[in-house]
Amino acid sequence: MQEVEKLREIVDPYDQENTKALIRSEPSLAIRYISKMKGYKRTTPLVSPPPLDVIITWVGAFLGITAIVLFSHKFDLSVVASFGASAVLIYGVPDAPLSQPRNVFFGHTLSAAAGVATFMMFGLTWWSPALGTSLALVVMLLTKTTHPPGGATALFAVLSKAQPSYILTPIMAGGGIFVINRLLGKKQFPHKTQSTELVLGFW
């Protein structure tokens, strides 16, 4: 019995220290989750665009949103907030695959159709806004017209109990105004590259 007690005295301190060391070396679940926000280390520095490009971008976004607001006021239509996000993509990062005219126009239009169809079939429930948004995402992926603001377009359609006319005005009309206004810009639009053309397609 005494030998067993002596053995415990010898083993227990080691086991306790080893356990503490193991706990210290293993980060908690919360720390590991938060550490994901760090992302990956950049290999290239962030570069600000030239001042002239910033001014042109501001003018384009201002004119694009102004045209949509004036159109909405003239025909007594609502202004969809998702157009603000589209303005950032179209004028801020016009070379991005998701900013191309095919994606802007059809992404909004198909998402509006998905949102309206969801409301017409299921009404406004606690789950129908999520269904409309997720359905819009699937439709955009299948048609290669992914445009992130389209998710908000579908969500707004369900929440606002939109009717089929919502697809034509303000969505199709607003998307068309954006594309036409952007085509008047200085830079080439749409921007065609081999990689993005294979993935998303263009006009």
N, C-alpha and C. Protein backbone atom coordinates (compact mmCIF):
# COMPACT_ATOMS: atom_id res chain seq x y z
N MET A 1 0.83 -1.21 0.00
CA MET A 1 0.00 0.00 0.00
C MET A 1 0.86 1.25 0.00
N GLN A 2 1.88 1.23 0.80
CA GLN A 2 2.78 2.38 0.87
C GLN A 2 3.49 2.59 -0.47
N GLU A 3 3.78 1.47 -1.15
CA GLU A 3 4.44 1.59 -2.46
C GLU A 3 3.51 2.25 -3.48
N VAL A 4 2.22 1.91 -3.39
CA VAL A 4 1.25 2.51 -4.31
C VAL A 4 1.13 4.01 -4.07
N GLU A 5 1.08 4.43 -2.81
CA GLU A 5 1.00 5.84 -2.48
C GLU A 5 2.22 6.59 -2.98
N LYS A 6 3.39 5.97 -2.80
CA LYS A 6 4.62 6.60 -3.30
C LYS A 6 4.59 6.74 -4.81
N LEU A 7 4.03 5.73 -5.48
CA LEU A 7 3.94 5.78 -6.93
C LEU A 7 3.01 6.91 -7.38
N ARG A 8 1.92 7.10 -6.64
CA ARG A 8 1.00 8.20 -6.97
C ARG A 8 1.67 9.55 -6.78
N GLU A 9 2.44 9.66 -5.71
CA GLU A 9 3.12 10.92 -5.46
C GLU A 9 4.10 11.23 -6.58
N ILE A 10 4.68 10.17 -7.15
CA ILE A 10 5.65 10.39 -8.22
C ILE A 10 4.95 10.71 -9.53
N VAL A 11 3.80 10.04 -9.81
CA VAL A 11 3.14 10.17 -11.11
C VAL A 11 2.22 11.39 -11.16
N ASP A 12 1.45 11.64 -10.09
CA ASP A 12 0.45 12.70 -10.13
C ASP A 12 1.02 14.09 -10.46
N PRO A 13 2.07 14.55 -9.82
CA PRO A 13 2.60 15.87 -10.15
C PRO A 13 2.97 15.99 -11.62
N TYR A 14 3.53 14.95 -12.18
CA TYR A 14 3.90 14.99 -13.59
C TYR A 14 2.66 15.09 -14.48
N ASP A 15 1.65 14.26 -14.11
CA ASP A 15 0.43 14.27 -14.90
C ASP A 15 -0.25 15.64 -14.84
N GLN A 16 -0.26 16.27 -13.71
CA GLN A 16 -0.88 17.58 -13.58
C GLN A 16 -0.15 18.62 -14.41
N GLU A 17 1.15 18.61 -14.32
CA GLU A 17 1.92 19.57 -15.12
C GLU A 17 1.74 19.32 -16.60
N ASN A 18 1.72 18.04 -16.97
CA ASN A 18 1.54 17.70 -18.38
C ASN A 18 0.17 18.13 -18.88
N THR A 19 -0.85 17.95 -18.02
CA THR A 19 -2.20 18.36 -18.40
C THR A 19 -2.29 19.87 -18.57
N LYS A 20 -1.67 20.62 -17.64
CA LYS A 20 -1.68 22.08 -17.74
C LYS A 20 -0.96 22.55 -18.99
N ALA A 21 0.16 21.91 -19.29
CA ALA A 21 0.91 22.27 -20.50
C ALA A 21 0.09 21.99 -21.75
N LEU A 22 -0.65 20.88 -21.73
CA LEU A 22 -1.48 20.53 -22.87
C LEU A 22 -2.60 21.53 -23.05
N ILE A 23 -3.19 21.98 -21.93
CA ILE A 23 -4.27 22.97 -22.01
C ILE A 23 -3.74 24.29 -22.54
N ARG A 24 -2.53 24.67 -22.09
CA ARG A 24 -1.96 25.93 -22.57
C ARG A 24 -1.62 25.88 -24.05
N SER A 25 -1.19 24.72 -24.53
CA SER A 25 -0.79 24.59 -25.93
C SER A 25 -1.98 24.47 -26.87
N GLU A 26 -3.13 24.06 -26.34
CA GLU A 26 -4.32 23.89 -27.17
C GLU A 26 -5.22 25.12 -27.02
N PRO A 27 -5.32 25.99 -28.04
CA PRO A 27 -6.16 27.19 -27.92
C PRO A 27 -7.63 26.82 -27.80
N SER A 28 -8.37 27.68 -27.13
CA SER A 28 -9.78 27.43 -26.94
C SER A 28 -10.52 27.59 -28.26
N LEU A 29 -11.75 27.08 -28.27
CA LEU A 29 -12.57 27.15 -29.47
C LEU A 29 -12.84 28.59 -29.87
N ALA A 30 -13.07 29.46 -28.88
CA ALA A 30 -13.33 30.87 -29.17
C ALA A 30 -12.12 31.55 -29.80
N ILE A 31 -10.94 31.25 -29.26
CA ILE A 31 -9.72 31.86 -29.81
C ILE A 31 -9.48 31.40 -31.23
N ARG A 32 -9.68 30.10 -31.47
CA ARG A 32 -9.49 29.59 -32.82
C ARG A 32 -10.49 30.20 -33.80
N TYR A 33 -11.71 30.43 -33.32
CA TYR A 33 -12.73 31.04 -34.19
C TYR A 33 -12.37 32.49 -34.52
N ILE A 34 -11.96 33.24 -33.50
CA ILE A 34 -11.61 34.64 -33.71
C ILE A 34 -10.36 34.76 -34.59
N SER A 35 -9.44 33.82 -34.45
CA SER A 35 -8.20 33.89 -35.24
C SER A 35 -8.47 33.76 -36.73
N LYS A 36 -9.62 33.17 -37.11
CA LYS A 36 -9.95 33.06 -38.52
C LYS A 36 -10.15 34.42 -39.18
N MET A 37 -10.52 35.42 -38.37
CA MET A 37 -10.76 36.75 -38.91
C MET A 37 -9.48 37.42 -39.38
N LYS A 38 -8.33 36.90 -38.97
CA LYS A 38 -7.06 37.46 -39.41
C LYS A 38 -6.84 37.25 -40.89
N GLY A 39 -7.43 36.18 -41.42
CA GLY A 39 -7.26 35.88 -42.84
C GLY A 39 -5.84 35.46 -43.16
N TYR A 40 -5.49 35.57 -44.42
CA TYR A 40 -4.15 35.21 -44.85
C TYR A 40 -3.27 36.46 -44.96
N LYS A 41 -2.00 36.26 -44.78
CA LYS A 41 -1.07 37.37 -44.89
C LYS A 41 -0.96 37.83 -46.33
N ARG A 42 -1.07 39.13 -46.54
CA ARG A 42 -1.01 39.68 -47.89
C ARG A 42 0.38 39.53 -48.47
N THR A 43 0.42 39.18 -49.75
CA THR A 43 1.70 39.09 -50.46
C THR A 43 2.02 40.38 -51.20
N THR A 44 0.98 41.19 -51.44
CA THR A 44 1.17 42.48 -52.11
C THR A 44 0.52 43.57 -51.27
N PRO A 45 1.07 44.76 -51.26
CA PRO A 45 0.48 45.84 -50.45
C PRO A 45 -0.79 46.38 -51.07
N LEU A 46 -1.65 46.96 -50.22
CA LEU A 46 -2.85 47.62 -50.71
C LEU A 46 -2.46 48.91 -51.42
N VAL A 47 -3.03 49.11 -52.59
CA VAL A 47 -2.70 50.28 -53.40
C VAL A 47 -3.96 51.10 -53.62
N SER A 48 -3.90 52.38 -53.33
CA SER A 48 -5.03 53.27 -53.57
C SER A 48 -5.07 53.69 -55.03
N PRO A 49 -6.26 53.82 -55.62
CA PRO A 49 -6.34 54.25 -57.02
C PRO A 49 -5.91 55.70 -57.15
N PRO A 50 -5.52 56.11 -58.36
CA PRO A 50 -5.13 57.51 -58.59
C PRO A 50 -6.28 58.46 -58.26
N PRO A 51 -5.97 59.67 -57.82
CA PRO A 51 -7.03 60.63 -57.47
C PRO A 51 -8.04 60.87 -58.58
N LEU A 52 -7.56 60.91 -59.84
CA LEU A 52 -8.49 61.14 -60.95
C LEU A 52 -9.50 60.02 -61.07
N ASP A 53 -9.03 58.79 -60.89
CA ASP A 53 -9.95 57.65 -60.95
C ASP A 53 -10.98 57.70 -59.83
N VAL A 54 -10.56 58.16 -58.67
CA VAL A 54 -11.50 58.28 -57.54
C VAL A 54 -12.58 59.30 -57.87
N ILE A 55 -12.18 60.41 -58.46
CA ILE A 55 -13.15 61.46 -58.82
C ILE A 55 -14.13 60.94 -59.88
N ILE A 56 -13.59 60.25 -60.89
CA ILE A 56 -14.45 59.70 -61.94
C ILE A 56 -15.42 58.68 -61.37
N THR A 57 -14.93 57.87 -60.45
CA THR A 57 -15.79 56.87 -59.80
C THR A 57 -16.92 57.54 -59.03
N TRP A 58 -16.57 58.60 -58.31
CA TRP A 58 -17.59 59.34 -57.55
C TRP A 58 -18.64 59.93 -58.48
N VAL A 59 -18.19 60.53 -59.58
CA VAL A 59 -19.13 61.13 -60.53
C VAL A 59 -20.05 60.06 -61.13
N GLY A 60 -19.47 58.91 -61.50
CA GLY A 60 -20.27 57.85 -62.08
C GLY A 60 -21.31 57.33 -61.12
N ALA A 61 -20.91 57.06 -59.88
CA ALA A 61 -21.86 56.56 -58.89
C ALA A 61 -22.95 57.59 -58.60
N PHE A 62 -22.56 58.85 -58.52
CA PHE A 62 -23.52 59.93 -58.26
C PHE A 62 -24.54 60.02 -59.39
N LEU A 63 -24.07 60.00 -60.63
CA LEU A 63 -24.97 60.12 -61.77
C LEU A 63 -25.87 58.88 -61.90
N GLY A 64 -25.30 57.70 -61.63
CA GLY A 64 -26.08 56.49 -61.75
C GLY A 64 -27.22 56.43 -60.76
N ILE A 65 -26.94 56.73 -59.50
CA ILE A 65 -27.99 56.72 -58.48
C ILE A 65 -28.98 57.85 -58.71
N THR A 66 -28.48 59.00 -59.15
CA THR A 66 -29.38 60.13 -59.44
C THR A 66 -30.37 59.77 -60.53
N ALA A 67 -29.89 59.12 -61.59
CA ALA A 67 -30.78 58.73 -62.69
C ALA A 67 -31.86 57.78 -62.20
N ILE A 68 -31.49 56.84 -61.35
CA ILE A 68 -32.48 55.89 -60.82
C ILE A 68 -33.50 56.59 -59.93
N VAL A 69 -33.03 57.51 -59.09
CA VAL A 69 -33.95 58.23 -58.19
C VAL A 69 -34.91 59.10 -58.99
N LEU A 70 -34.40 59.81 -60.00
CA LEU A 70 -35.27 60.65 -60.84
C LEU A 70 -36.30 59.80 -61.57
N PHE A 71 -35.86 58.66 -62.08
CA PHE A 71 -36.79 57.75 -62.75
C PHE A 71 -37.87 57.26 -61.78
N SER A 72 -37.47 56.96 -60.57
CA SER A 72 -38.42 56.48 -59.57
C SER A 72 -39.43 57.55 -59.18
N HIS A 73 -38.95 58.78 -59.04
CA HIS A 73 -39.84 59.88 -58.69
C HIS A 73 -40.83 60.17 -59.82
N LYS A 74 -40.35 60.09 -61.04
CA LYS A 74 -41.21 60.41 -62.19
C LYS A 74 -42.36 59.43 -62.32
N PHE A 75 -42.07 58.16 -62.06
CA PHE A 75 -43.11 57.13 -62.22
C PHE A 75 -43.62 56.61 -60.87
N ASP A 76 -43.31 57.34 -59.81
CA ASP A 76 -43.80 57.00 -58.47
C ASP A 76 -43.45 55.57 -58.09
N LEU A 77 -42.17 55.25 -58.17
CA LEU A 77 -41.67 53.92 -57.86
C LEU A 77 -40.75 53.99 -56.64
N SER A 78 -40.57 52.88 -55.99
CA SER A 78 -39.65 52.83 -54.86
C SER A 78 -38.22 52.64 -55.34
N VAL A 79 -37.27 53.13 -54.57
CA VAL A 79 -35.85 52.95 -54.87
C VAL A 79 -35.35 51.78 -54.04
N VAL A 80 -34.83 50.77 -54.69
CA VAL A 80 -34.37 49.57 -54.01
C VAL A 80 -32.96 49.81 -53.48
N ALA A 81 -32.76 49.52 -52.20
CA ALA A 81 -31.47 49.78 -51.55
C ALA A 81 -30.33 48.98 -52.16
N SER A 82 -30.65 47.84 -52.75
CA SER A 82 -29.58 47.00 -53.32
C SER A 82 -28.87 47.69 -54.47
N PHE A 83 -29.49 48.70 -55.07
CA PHE A 83 -28.82 49.44 -56.14
C PHE A 83 -27.60 50.21 -55.61
N GLY A 84 -27.64 50.57 -54.34
CA GLY A 84 -26.47 51.23 -53.75
C GLY A 84 -25.26 50.32 -53.74
N ALA A 85 -25.49 49.04 -53.41
CA ALA A 85 -24.39 48.07 -53.45
C ALA A 85 -23.91 47.84 -54.87
N SER A 86 -24.84 47.83 -55.83
CA SER A 86 -24.45 47.68 -57.23
C SER A 86 -23.59 48.83 -57.69
N ALA A 87 -23.89 50.03 -57.22
CA ALA A 87 -23.09 51.20 -57.60
C ALA A 87 -21.64 51.04 -57.15
N VAL A 88 -21.46 50.50 -55.95
CA VAL A 88 -20.09 50.29 -55.46
C VAL A 88 -19.34 49.32 -56.36
N LEU A 89 -20.01 48.25 -56.77
CA LEU A 89 -19.36 47.26 -57.63
C LEU A 89 -19.10 47.80 -59.04
N ILE A 90 -20.11 48.41 -59.64
CA ILE A 90 -20.01 48.85 -61.02
C ILE A 90 -18.98 49.96 -61.20
N TYR A 91 -19.00 50.93 -60.29
CA TYR A 91 -18.12 52.08 -60.45
C TYR A 91 -16.83 51.96 -59.65
N GLY A 92 -16.86 51.20 -58.57
CA GLY A 92 -15.66 51.06 -57.75
C GLY A 92 -14.72 49.98 -58.23
N VAL A 93 -15.27 48.85 -58.64
CA VAL A 93 -14.44 47.74 -59.14
C VAL A 93 -15.04 47.23 -60.45
N PRO A 94 -14.99 48.03 -61.51
CA PRO A 94 -15.64 47.66 -62.78
C PRO A 94 -15.02 46.45 -63.45
N ASP A 95 -13.77 46.11 -63.09
CA ASP A 95 -13.12 44.97 -63.71
C ASP A 95 -13.46 43.64 -63.04
N ALA A 96 -14.13 43.69 -61.92
CA ALA A 96 -14.47 42.46 -61.20
C ALA A 96 -15.49 41.64 -61.99
N PRO A 97 -15.37 40.31 -61.97
CA PRO A 97 -16.32 39.48 -62.72
C PRO A 97 -17.78 39.71 -62.34
N LEU A 98 -18.04 39.95 -61.06
CA LEU A 98 -19.42 40.12 -60.61
C LEU A 98 -19.97 41.52 -60.89
N SER A 99 -19.14 42.39 -61.48
CA SER A 99 -19.57 43.76 -61.79
C SER A 99 -19.93 43.94 -63.26
N GLN A 100 -19.86 42.89 -64.04
CA GLN A 100 -20.09 43.00 -65.47
C GLN A 100 -21.57 43.18 -65.79
N PRO A 101 -21.89 43.78 -66.95
CA PRO A 101 -23.29 44.11 -67.27
C PRO A 101 -24.23 42.92 -67.25
N ARG A 102 -23.75 41.76 -67.73
CA ARG A 102 -24.59 40.56 -67.68
C ARG A 102 -25.00 40.26 -66.24
N ASN A 103 -24.06 40.35 -65.33
CA ASN A 103 -24.33 40.03 -63.94
C ASN A 103 -25.23 41.08 -63.28
N VAL A 104 -24.97 42.34 -63.61
CA VAL A 104 -25.75 43.42 -63.01
C VAL A 104 -27.22 43.33 -63.43
N PHE A 105 -27.43 43.25 -64.74
CA PHE A 105 -28.81 43.29 -65.25
C PHE A 105 -29.57 42.02 -64.92
N PHE A 106 -29.02 40.87 -65.29
CA PHE A 106 -29.74 39.62 -65.09
C PHE A 106 -29.69 39.15 -63.63
N GLY A 107 -28.63 39.51 -62.92
CA GLY A 107 -28.57 39.15 -61.51
C GLY A 107 -29.71 39.79 -60.74
N HIS A 108 -29.95 41.08 -60.97
CA HIS A 108 -31.06 41.77 -60.32
C HIS A 108 -32.41 41.25 -60.81
N THR A 109 -32.53 41.08 -62.12
CA THR A 109 -33.82 40.68 -62.69
C THR A 109 -34.24 39.29 -62.22
N LEU A 110 -33.34 38.32 -62.31
CA LEU A 110 -33.67 36.96 -61.89
C LEU A 110 -33.91 36.87 -60.39
N SER A 111 -33.16 37.65 -59.63
CA SER A 111 -33.37 37.66 -58.18
C SER A 111 -34.73 38.26 -57.83
N ALA A 112 -35.11 39.31 -58.54
CA ALA A 112 -36.44 39.90 -58.32
C ALA A 112 -37.53 38.89 -58.64
N ALA A 113 -37.35 38.14 -59.73
CA ALA A 113 -38.34 37.12 -60.10
C ALA A 113 -38.42 36.03 -59.03
N ALA A 114 -37.27 35.64 -58.50
CA ALA A 114 -37.26 34.62 -57.44
C ALA A 114 -37.97 35.13 -56.20
N GLY A 115 -37.71 36.38 -55.81
CA GLY A 115 -38.35 36.95 -54.63
C GLY A 115 -39.86 37.10 -54.81
N VAL A 116 -40.28 37.58 -55.96
CA VAL A 116 -41.71 37.75 -56.22
C VAL A 116 -42.41 36.39 -56.25
N ALA A 117 -41.80 35.42 -56.90
CA ALA A 117 -42.39 34.09 -56.97
C ALA A 117 -42.53 33.48 -55.57
N THR A 118 -41.55 33.70 -54.74
CA THR A 118 -41.61 33.17 -53.38
C THR A 118 -42.76 33.79 -52.60
N PHE A 119 -42.90 35.10 -52.72
CA PHE A 119 -44.00 35.76 -52.00
C PHE A 119 -45.35 35.34 -52.55
N MET A 120 -45.47 35.25 -53.87
CA MET A 120 -46.75 34.88 -54.46
C MET A 120 -47.18 33.47 -54.05
N MET A 121 -46.23 32.57 -53.87
CA MET A 121 -46.56 31.18 -53.53
C MET A 121 -46.74 30.96 -52.03
N PHE A 122 -45.92 31.63 -51.23
CA PHE A 122 -45.91 31.32 -49.80
C PHE A 122 -46.28 32.50 -48.91
N GLY A 123 -46.38 33.71 -49.49
CA GLY A 123 -46.69 34.87 -48.67
C GLY A 123 -45.49 35.28 -47.81
N LEU A 124 -45.76 36.16 -46.87
CA LEU A 124 -44.70 36.64 -45.98
C LEU A 124 -44.78 35.88 -44.66
N THR A 125 -43.84 34.99 -44.46
CA THR A 125 -43.76 34.20 -43.23
C THR A 125 -42.39 34.41 -42.61
N TRP A 126 -42.11 33.70 -41.53
CA TRP A 126 -40.81 33.85 -40.88
C TRP A 126 -39.70 33.21 -41.70
N TRP A 127 -40.05 32.30 -42.62
CA TRP A 127 -39.04 31.60 -43.40
C TRP A 127 -39.02 31.99 -44.87
N SER A 128 -40.06 32.63 -45.38
CA SER A 128 -40.11 32.95 -46.81
C SER A 128 -39.02 33.95 -47.25
N PRO A 129 -38.64 34.96 -46.44
CA PRO A 129 -37.53 35.83 -46.89
C PRO A 129 -36.23 35.06 -47.10
N ALA A 130 -35.96 34.11 -46.21
CA ALA A 130 -34.76 33.30 -46.38
C ALA A 130 -34.85 32.42 -47.61
N LEU A 131 -36.03 31.87 -47.87
CA LEU A 131 -36.23 31.03 -49.05
C LEU A 131 -36.03 31.84 -50.32
N GLY A 132 -36.61 33.04 -50.38
CA GLY A 132 -36.46 33.88 -51.57
C GLY A 132 -35.02 34.25 -51.85
N THR A 133 -34.29 34.60 -50.79
CA THR A 133 -32.89 34.99 -50.96
C THR A 133 -32.04 33.81 -51.40
N SER A 134 -32.21 32.67 -50.76
CA SER A 134 -31.42 31.50 -51.13
C SER A 134 -31.78 30.99 -52.52
N LEU A 135 -33.05 31.09 -52.89
CA LEU A 135 -33.47 30.69 -54.23
C LEU A 135 -32.84 31.60 -55.29
N ALA A 136 -32.78 32.89 -54.99
CA ALA A 136 -32.15 33.83 -55.92
C ALA A 136 -30.67 33.50 -56.12
N LEU A 137 -30.00 33.13 -55.04
CA LEU A 137 -28.59 32.75 -55.15
C LEU A 137 -28.41 31.54 -56.06
N VAL A 138 -29.26 30.53 -55.89
CA VAL A 138 -29.17 29.32 -56.71
C VAL A 138 -29.40 29.66 -58.19
N VAL A 139 -30.41 30.48 -58.45
CA VAL A 139 -30.72 30.86 -59.83
C VAL A 139 -29.55 31.61 -60.47
N MET A 140 -28.96 32.54 -59.73
CA MET A 140 -27.81 33.29 -60.27
C MET A 140 -26.63 32.37 -60.55
N LEU A 141 -26.40 31.42 -59.66
CA LEU A 141 -25.28 30.50 -59.88
C LEU A 141 -25.52 29.62 -61.11
N LEU A 142 -26.74 29.14 -61.27
CA LEU A 142 -27.04 28.26 -62.40
C LEU A 142 -27.00 29.00 -63.73
N THR A 143 -27.36 30.28 -63.72
CA THR A 143 -27.38 31.06 -64.96
C THR A 143 -26.10 31.86 -65.18
N LYS A 144 -25.13 31.69 -64.29
CA LYS A 144 -23.85 32.39 -64.39
C LYS A 144 -24.03 33.90 -64.41
N THR A 145 -24.94 34.38 -63.57
CA THR A 145 -25.20 35.82 -63.48
C THR A 145 -25.07 36.31 -62.03
N THR A 146 -24.18 35.72 -61.29
CA THR A 146 -24.06 36.06 -59.87
C THR A 146 -23.71 37.54 -59.67
N HIS A 147 -24.52 38.21 -58.89
CA HIS A 147 -24.33 39.63 -58.55
C HIS A 147 -24.77 39.78 -57.10
N PRO A 148 -23.85 39.97 -56.15
CA PRO A 148 -24.20 39.97 -54.72
C PRO A 148 -25.40 40.82 -54.33
N PRO A 149 -25.56 42.05 -54.86
CA PRO A 149 -26.75 42.82 -54.47
C PRO A 149 -28.06 42.17 -54.87
N GLY A 150 -28.00 41.19 -55.76
CA GLY A 150 -29.22 40.50 -56.14
C GLY A 150 -29.89 39.81 -54.96
N GLY A 151 -29.10 39.36 -54.00
CA GLY A 151 -29.68 38.76 -52.81
C GLY A 151 -30.57 39.73 -52.06
N ALA A 152 -30.13 40.98 -51.97
CA ALA A 152 -30.95 42.01 -51.31
C ALA A 152 -32.19 42.33 -52.12
N THR A 153 -32.07 42.27 -53.43
CA THR A 153 -33.23 42.50 -54.30
C THR A 153 -34.32 41.47 -54.05
N ALA A 154 -33.91 40.21 -53.93
CA ALA A 154 -34.89 39.15 -53.65
C ALA A 154 -35.46 39.29 -52.24
N LEU A 155 -34.62 39.59 -51.29
CA LEU A 155 -35.08 39.75 -49.91
C LEU A 155 -36.09 40.88 -49.79
N PHE A 156 -35.81 42.01 -50.44
CA PHE A 156 -36.73 43.14 -50.39
C PHE A 156 -38.05 42.80 -51.06
N ALA A 157 -38.00 41.99 -52.12
CA ALA A 157 -39.23 41.62 -52.82
C ALA A 157 -40.18 40.88 -51.89
N VAL A 158 -39.64 39.98 -51.09
CA VAL A 158 -40.49 39.22 -50.17
C VAL A 158 -40.97 40.10 -49.01
N LEU A 159 -40.05 40.85 -48.44
CA LEU A 159 -40.40 41.67 -47.27
C LEU A 159 -41.41 42.77 -47.61
N SER A 160 -41.32 43.30 -48.82
CA SER A 160 -42.21 44.39 -49.23
C SER A 160 -43.48 43.88 -49.91
N LYS A 161 -43.64 42.55 -49.98
CA LYS A 161 -44.81 41.93 -50.62
C LYS A 161 -44.96 42.42 -52.06
N ALA A 162 -43.86 42.35 -52.79
CA ALA A 162 -43.82 42.88 -54.15
C ALA A 162 -44.70 42.08 -55.10
N GLN A 163 -45.24 42.78 -56.07
CA GLN A 163 -46.03 42.17 -57.13
C GLN A 163 -45.16 41.97 -58.38
N PRO A 164 -45.66 41.24 -59.38
CA PRO A 164 -44.84 40.98 -60.58
C PRO A 164 -44.30 42.23 -61.26
N SER A 165 -45.02 43.35 -61.14
CA SER A 165 -44.53 44.58 -61.76
C SER A 165 -43.19 45.02 -61.18
N TYR A 166 -42.87 44.55 -59.98
CA TYR A 166 -41.60 44.88 -59.33
C TYR A 166 -40.41 44.43 -60.18
N ILE A 167 -40.60 43.34 -60.92
CA ILE A 167 -39.50 42.83 -61.75
C ILE A 167 -39.15 43.80 -62.86
N LEU A 168 -40.18 44.37 -63.50
CA LEU A 168 -39.95 45.30 -64.61
C LEU A 168 -39.49 46.66 -64.11
N THR A 169 -40.26 47.21 -63.18
CA THR A 169 -39.91 48.49 -62.57
C THR A 169 -40.10 48.37 -61.06
N PRO A 170 -39.08 48.64 -60.31
CA PRO A 170 -37.87 49.37 -60.69
C PRO A 170 -36.65 48.50 -61.05
N ILE A 171 -36.75 47.16 -60.97
CA ILE A 171 -35.53 46.35 -61.05
C ILE A 171 -34.91 46.34 -62.44
N MET A 172 -35.64 45.88 -63.45
CA MET A 172 -35.07 45.83 -64.80
C MET A 172 -34.71 47.23 -65.29
N ALA A 173 -35.58 48.18 -65.01
CA ALA A 173 -35.31 49.55 -65.43
C ALA A 173 -34.07 50.10 -64.75
N GLY A 174 -33.95 49.88 -63.45
CA GLY A 174 -32.79 50.36 -62.72
C GLY A 174 -31.50 49.69 -63.17
N GLY A 175 -31.56 48.38 -63.40
CA GLY A 175 -30.37 47.68 -63.89
C GLY A 175 -29.95 48.17 -65.26
N GLY A 176 -30.92 48.44 -66.11
CA GLY A 176 -30.61 48.98 -67.43
C GLY A 176 -29.98 50.36 -67.37
N ILE A 177 -30.50 51.19 -66.47
CA ILE A 177 -29.92 52.54 -66.30
C ILE A 177 -28.47 52.46 -65.85
N PHE A 178 -28.21 51.56 -64.92
CA PHE A 178 -26.84 51.38 -64.43
C PHE A 178 -25.89 50.99 -65.57
N VAL A 179 -26.30 50.01 -66.35
CA VAL A 179 -25.43 49.51 -67.43
C VAL A 179 -25.20 50.58 -68.48
N ILE A 180 -26.27 51.27 -68.88
CA ILE A 180 -26.13 52.31 -69.91
C ILE A 180 -25.24 53.44 -69.41
N ASN A 181 -25.45 53.85 -68.17
CA ASN A 181 -24.64 54.93 -67.60
C ASN A 181 -23.17 54.53 -67.51
N ARG A 182 -22.92 53.28 -67.15
CA ARG A 182 -21.53 52.82 -67.02
C ARG A 182 -20.86 52.67 -68.37
N LEU A 183 -21.62 52.33 -69.40
CA LEU A 183 -21.04 52.20 -70.73
C LEU A 183 -20.56 53.53 -71.27
N LEU A 184 -21.07 54.62 -70.71
CA LEU A 184 -20.64 55.95 -71.13
C LEU A 184 -19.31 56.34 -70.50
N GLY A 185 -18.82 55.51 -69.57
CA GLY A 185 -17.58 55.83 -68.87
C GLY A 185 -16.35 55.68 -69.75
N LYS A 186 -15.23 56.01 -69.16
CA LYS A 186 -13.96 56.03 -69.89
C LYS A 186 -13.40 54.63 -70.06
N LYS A 187 -13.47 53.80 -69.02
CA LYS A 187 -12.86 52.48 -69.06
C LYS A 187 -13.72 51.49 -69.85
N GLN A 188 -13.05 50.47 -70.37
CA GLN A 188 -13.76 49.43 -71.10
C GLN A 188 -14.69 48.68 -70.18
N PHE A 189 -15.93 48.52 -70.66
CA PHE A 189 -16.95 47.84 -69.86
C PHE A 189 -17.94 47.21 -70.83
N PRO A 190 -18.12 45.92 -70.87
CA PRO A 190 -17.58 44.96 -69.91
C PRO A 190 -16.11 44.66 -70.09
N HIS A 191 -15.53 44.15 -69.03
CA HIS A 191 -14.11 43.80 -69.03
C HIS A 191 -14.00 42.30 -69.28
N LYS A 192 -13.34 41.91 -70.36
CA LYS A 192 -13.25 40.50 -70.72
C LYS A 192 -11.85 39.97 -70.44
N THR A 193 -11.81 38.90 -69.67
CA THR A 193 -10.56 38.18 -69.46
C THR A 193 -10.87 36.71 -69.65
N GLN A 194 -9.86 35.94 -69.92
CA GLN A 194 -10.06 34.54 -70.20
C GLN A 194 -10.70 33.81 -69.02
N SER A 195 -10.19 34.08 -67.82
CA SER A 195 -10.66 33.35 -66.65
C SER A 195 -12.11 33.69 -66.31
N THR A 196 -12.44 34.98 -66.30
CA THR A 196 -13.79 35.38 -65.93
C THR A 196 -14.78 35.03 -67.02
N GLU A 197 -14.36 35.04 -68.28
CA GLU A 197 -15.28 34.72 -69.35
C GLU A 197 -15.70 33.25 -69.27
N LEU A 198 -14.78 32.40 -68.89
CA LEU A 198 -15.09 30.99 -68.77
C LEU A 198 -16.05 30.72 -67.62
N VAL A 199 -15.92 31.50 -66.56
CA VAL A 199 -16.72 31.26 -65.36
C VAL A 199 -18.09 31.89 -65.46
N LEU A 200 -18.17 33.14 -65.91
CA LEU A 200 -19.40 33.88 -65.80
C LEU A 200 -20.05 34.22 -67.16
N GLY A 201 -19.25 34.44 -68.19
CA GLY A 201 -19.80 34.84 -69.47
C GLY A 201 -20.12 36.33 -69.49
N PHE A 202 -20.25 36.88 -70.70
CA PHE A 202 -20.51 38.32 -70.82
C PHE A 202 -21.54 38.55 -71.91
N TRP A 203 -21.74 39.81 -72.23
CA TRP A 203 -22.72 40.14 -73.27
C TRP A 203 -22.33 39.47 -74.56
